[in-house]
Amino acid sequence: MSFRHVPGKLSNDQDWEFFYRCYQNTYLEHLSSPYLNEALFKLWAQRMPDNLHLIIAQRDQTPIAASLLVVDKDSSKAYGRYWGAIEHIPCLHFETAYYQAIEYCIEEEIQTFEGGAQGEHKMARGFLPTTIQSAHYIVDPKFAKAVQHFLEREHAGIGAYVDELGEHSPLKSTKVQL
């Protein structure tokens, strides 16, 4: 297995077509529909090439999986958000979407790699839970108020859940026990 790292500014249509094929296939395998289309990824690459980085997994020089990082070098952060494969290979997801991304961050001296929302399964691989912020504008005032009430109730529950998960960290504690 080898990995080809493609900075957004060096990517081409074939790279994005392959990435989308992987992304779409992974959604279909999970009986879902991809919520972003190929045209969006290509437009994103045209408009923000310095903020994208593709990682393409290859077996015998044949591409089989891809992940996409969104990179903000000014704030020294990379965000792993999209991934897919055209065939299932155990552990390929973590290698392509996380470990290769971490290596990229080390090489580029990026201080923070944010591996994406969801997935308690990430804890076994050393990704501890953190809360993230998301911003949305909801036009309908009644619906916006309902969403706001839900988020206020959810906030406390999520905080408690993150604390609970943190107690089960697979990483050695740096706290001094007295």
Protein backbone atom coordinates (compact mmCIF):
# COMPACT_ATOMS: atom_id res chain seq x y z
CA MET A 1 0.00 0.00 0.00
CA SER A 2 1.28 3.46 -0.84
CA PHE A 3 -0.16 6.93 -0.42
CA ARG A 4 -0.04 9.83 -2.81
CA HIS A 5 -0.38 13.28 -1.24
CA VAL A 6 -1.82 15.86 -3.63
CA PRO A 7 -1.87 19.53 -2.59
CA GLY A 8 -5.04 21.22 -3.84
CA LYS A 9 -3.10 23.52 -6.15
CA LEU A 10 -1.55 20.47 -7.88
CA SER A 11 -4.79 18.47 -8.12
CA ASN A 12 -6.56 17.87 -11.41
CA ASP A 13 -10.03 16.84 -12.56
CA GLN A 14 -9.08 13.14 -12.52
CA ASP A 15 -8.03 13.40 -8.86
CA TRP A 16 -11.36 14.98 -7.94
CA GLU A 17 -13.36 12.50 -10.04
CA PHE A 18 -11.64 9.62 -8.26
CA PHE A 19 -12.13 11.26 -4.86
CA TYR A 20 -15.83 11.73 -5.56
CA ARG A 21 -16.21 8.14 -6.76
CA CYS A 22 -14.78 6.97 -3.43
CA TYR A 23 -16.86 9.43 -1.40
CA GLN A 24 -20.06 8.46 -3.22
CA ASN A 25 -19.36 4.73 -2.95
CA THR A 26 -18.86 4.91 0.81
CA TYR A 27 -22.22 6.66 1.26
CA LEU A 28 -23.94 4.09 -0.94
CA GLU A 29 -22.38 1.21 1.01
CA HIS A 30 -23.88 2.70 4.17
CA LEU A 31 -27.29 2.94 2.46
CA SER A 32 -27.21 6.71 2.32
CA SER A 33 -26.88 9.44 -0.28
CA PRO A 34 -23.88 11.77 -0.48
CA TYR A 35 -24.94 15.28 0.44
CA LEU A 36 -22.25 17.00 -1.63
CA ASN A 37 -21.80 16.60 -5.37
CA GLU A 38 -18.74 16.27 -7.58
CA ALA A 39 -19.18 19.76 -9.02
CA LEU A 40 -18.88 21.25 -5.52
CA PHE A 41 -15.55 19.53 -4.86
CA LYS A 42 -14.17 20.65 -8.23
CA LEU A 43 -15.35 24.22 -7.64
CA TRP A 44 -13.87 24.16 -4.15
CA ALA A 45 -10.54 23.04 -5.62
CA GLN A 46 -10.65 25.89 -8.17
CA ARG A 47 -11.55 28.58 -5.65
CA MET A 48 -9.56 27.47 -2.59
CA PRO A 49 -6.71 25.26 -3.82
CA ASP A 50 -4.32 26.31 -1.05
CA ASN A 51 -6.82 25.09 1.55
CA LEU A 52 -7.24 21.53 0.27
CA HIS A 53 -5.06 18.44 0.42
CA LEU A 54 -5.96 15.04 -1.03
CA ILE A 55 -4.54 11.77 0.22
CA ILE A 56 -4.97 8.90 -2.24
CA ALA A 57 -4.34 5.31 -1.16
CA GLN A 58 -2.93 3.04 -3.85
CA ARG A 59 -2.37 -0.67 -4.12
CA ASP A 60 0.07 -1.62 -6.87
CA GLN A 61 -0.17 1.95 -8.22
CA THR A 62 -3.97 1.62 -8.54
CA PRO A 63 -6.01 4.13 -6.50
CA ILE A 64 -8.45 2.49 -4.08
CA ALA A 65 -9.34 5.17 -1.51
CA ALA A 66 -9.08 8.90 -0.85
CA SER A 67 -9.46 11.42 1.93
CA LEU A 68 -9.69 15.19 1.90
CA LEU A 69 -8.19 17.62 4.37
CA VAL A 70 -9.29 21.21 4.66
CA VAL A 71 -6.21 23.19 5.67
CA ASP A 72 -5.99 26.58 7.37
CA LYS A 73 -2.27 27.28 7.53
CA ASP A 74 -2.83 30.75 9.05
CA SER A 75 -4.32 29.17 12.18
CA SER A 76 -2.12 26.05 11.86
CA LYS A 77 -5.08 23.67 11.66
CA ALA A 78 -6.17 20.87 9.36
CA TYR A 79 -9.63 19.38 9.33
CA GLY A 80 -10.27 15.84 8.15
CA ARG A 81 -13.76 15.84 6.74
CA TYR A 82 -14.36 13.59 3.76
CA TRP A 83 -13.22 10.09 2.88
CA GLY A 84 -14.20 7.17 0.73
CA ALA A 85 -13.02 3.93 -0.83
CA ILE A 86 -13.95 1.78 -3.80
CA GLU A 87 -13.26 -1.42 -1.89
CA HIS A 88 -13.22 -2.40 1.76
CA ILE A 89 -9.82 -3.09 3.30
CA PRO A 90 -9.59 -3.36 7.10
CA CYS A 91 -7.95 -0.33 8.76
CA LEU A 92 -7.61 1.55 5.45
CA HIS A 93 -9.97 4.28 6.68
CA PHE A 94 -7.80 5.16 9.67
CA GLU A 95 -4.56 4.97 7.70
CA THR A 96 -5.82 7.16 4.84
CA ALA A 97 -8.00 9.63 6.73
CA TYR A 98 -6.12 9.92 10.04
CA TYR A 99 -2.58 8.59 10.18
CA GLN A 100 -1.56 9.96 6.79
CA ALA A 101 -3.24 13.25 7.75
CA ILE A 102 -1.23 13.38 10.98
CA GLU A 103 1.98 12.75 9.04
CA TYR A 104 1.04 15.58 6.68
CA CYS A 105 0.46 17.90 9.64
CA ILE A 106 3.83 17.01 11.14
CA GLU A 107 5.64 17.61 7.85
CA GLU A 108 3.85 20.93 7.30
CA GLU A 109 4.24 21.97 10.97
CA ILE A 110 0.49 22.23 11.40
CA GLN A 111 -0.23 22.21 15.12
CA THR A 112 -3.80 20.90 15.20
CA PHE A 113 -5.47 18.06 13.32
CA GLU A 114 -9.22 17.96 13.88
CA GLY A 115 -10.41 14.50 12.84
CA GLY A 116 -14.10 15.25 12.45
CA ALA A 117 -17.27 14.80 14.42
CA GLN A 118 -18.79 11.53 15.58
CA GLY A 119 -17.28 8.21 16.33
CA GLU A 120 -16.43 6.87 19.74
CA HIS A 121 -14.43 4.26 17.79
CA LYS A 122 -11.79 6.95 17.24
CA MET A 123 -10.84 6.84 20.93
CA ALA A 124 -9.11 3.47 20.54
CA ARG A 125 -6.89 5.15 17.94
CA GLY A 126 -5.93 8.03 20.24
CA PHE A 127 -8.48 10.64 19.17
CA LEU A 128 -10.07 11.97 22.32
CA PRO A 129 -13.49 13.60 22.22
CA THR A 130 -13.70 17.36 21.95
CA THR A 131 -16.56 19.70 21.31
CA ILE A 132 -16.68 21.72 18.13
CA GLN A 133 -18.71 24.70 17.05
CA SER A 134 -20.95 24.87 14.03
CA ALA A 135 -22.70 27.94 12.65
CA HIS A 136 -26.00 27.90 10.78
CA TYR A 137 -28.56 30.49 9.81
CA ILE A 138 -32.18 29.42 10.01
CA VAL A 139 -34.57 31.74 8.20
CA ASP A 140 -37.85 30.74 9.84
CA PRO A 141 -37.95 32.40 13.31
CA LYS A 142 -40.16 29.72 14.87
CA PHE A 143 -37.96 26.92 13.63
CA ALA A 144 -34.84 28.86 14.67
CA LYS A 145 -36.25 29.19 18.20
CA ALA A 146 -37.08 25.47 18.36
CA VAL A 147 -33.55 24.59 17.23
CA GLN A 148 -32.11 27.02 19.80
CA HIS A 149 -34.10 25.38 22.61
CA PHE A 150 -32.95 21.94 21.49
CA LEU A 151 -29.31 23.04 21.38
CA GLU A 152 -29.53 24.57 24.85
CA ARG A 153 -30.79 21.24 26.24
CA GLU A 154 -28.29 19.20 24.22
CA HIS A 155 -25.31 21.34 25.29
CA ALA A 156 -25.34 20.08 28.90
CA GLY A 157 -25.80 16.47 27.82
CA ILE A 158 -22.96 16.61 25.32
CA GLY A 159 -20.64 18.17 27.89
CA ALA A 160 -21.37 15.39 30.37
CA TYR A 161 -20.88 12.74 27.66
CA VAL A 162 -17.51 14.19 26.61
CA ASP A 163 -16.44 14.16 30.28
CA GLU A 164 -17.57 10.53 30.62
CA LEU A 165 -15.70 9.47 27.49
CA GLY A 166 -12.61 11.34 28.70
CA GLU A 167 -12.55 9.09 31.76
CA HIS A 168 -11.99 6.12 29.43
CA SER A 169 -9.04 7.56 27.52
CA PRO A 170 -6.67 4.95 26.09
CA LEU A 171 -3.81 7.40 26.58
CA LYS A 172 -1.62 7.50 29.65
CA SER A 173 -2.65 10.24 32.01
CA THR A 174 -0.30 13.16 32.60
CA LYS A 175 -2.08 14.06 35.83
CA VAL A 176 -0.15 13.61 39.06
CA GLN A 177 -1.93 11.31 41.49
CA LEU A 178 -1.45 12.25 45.18
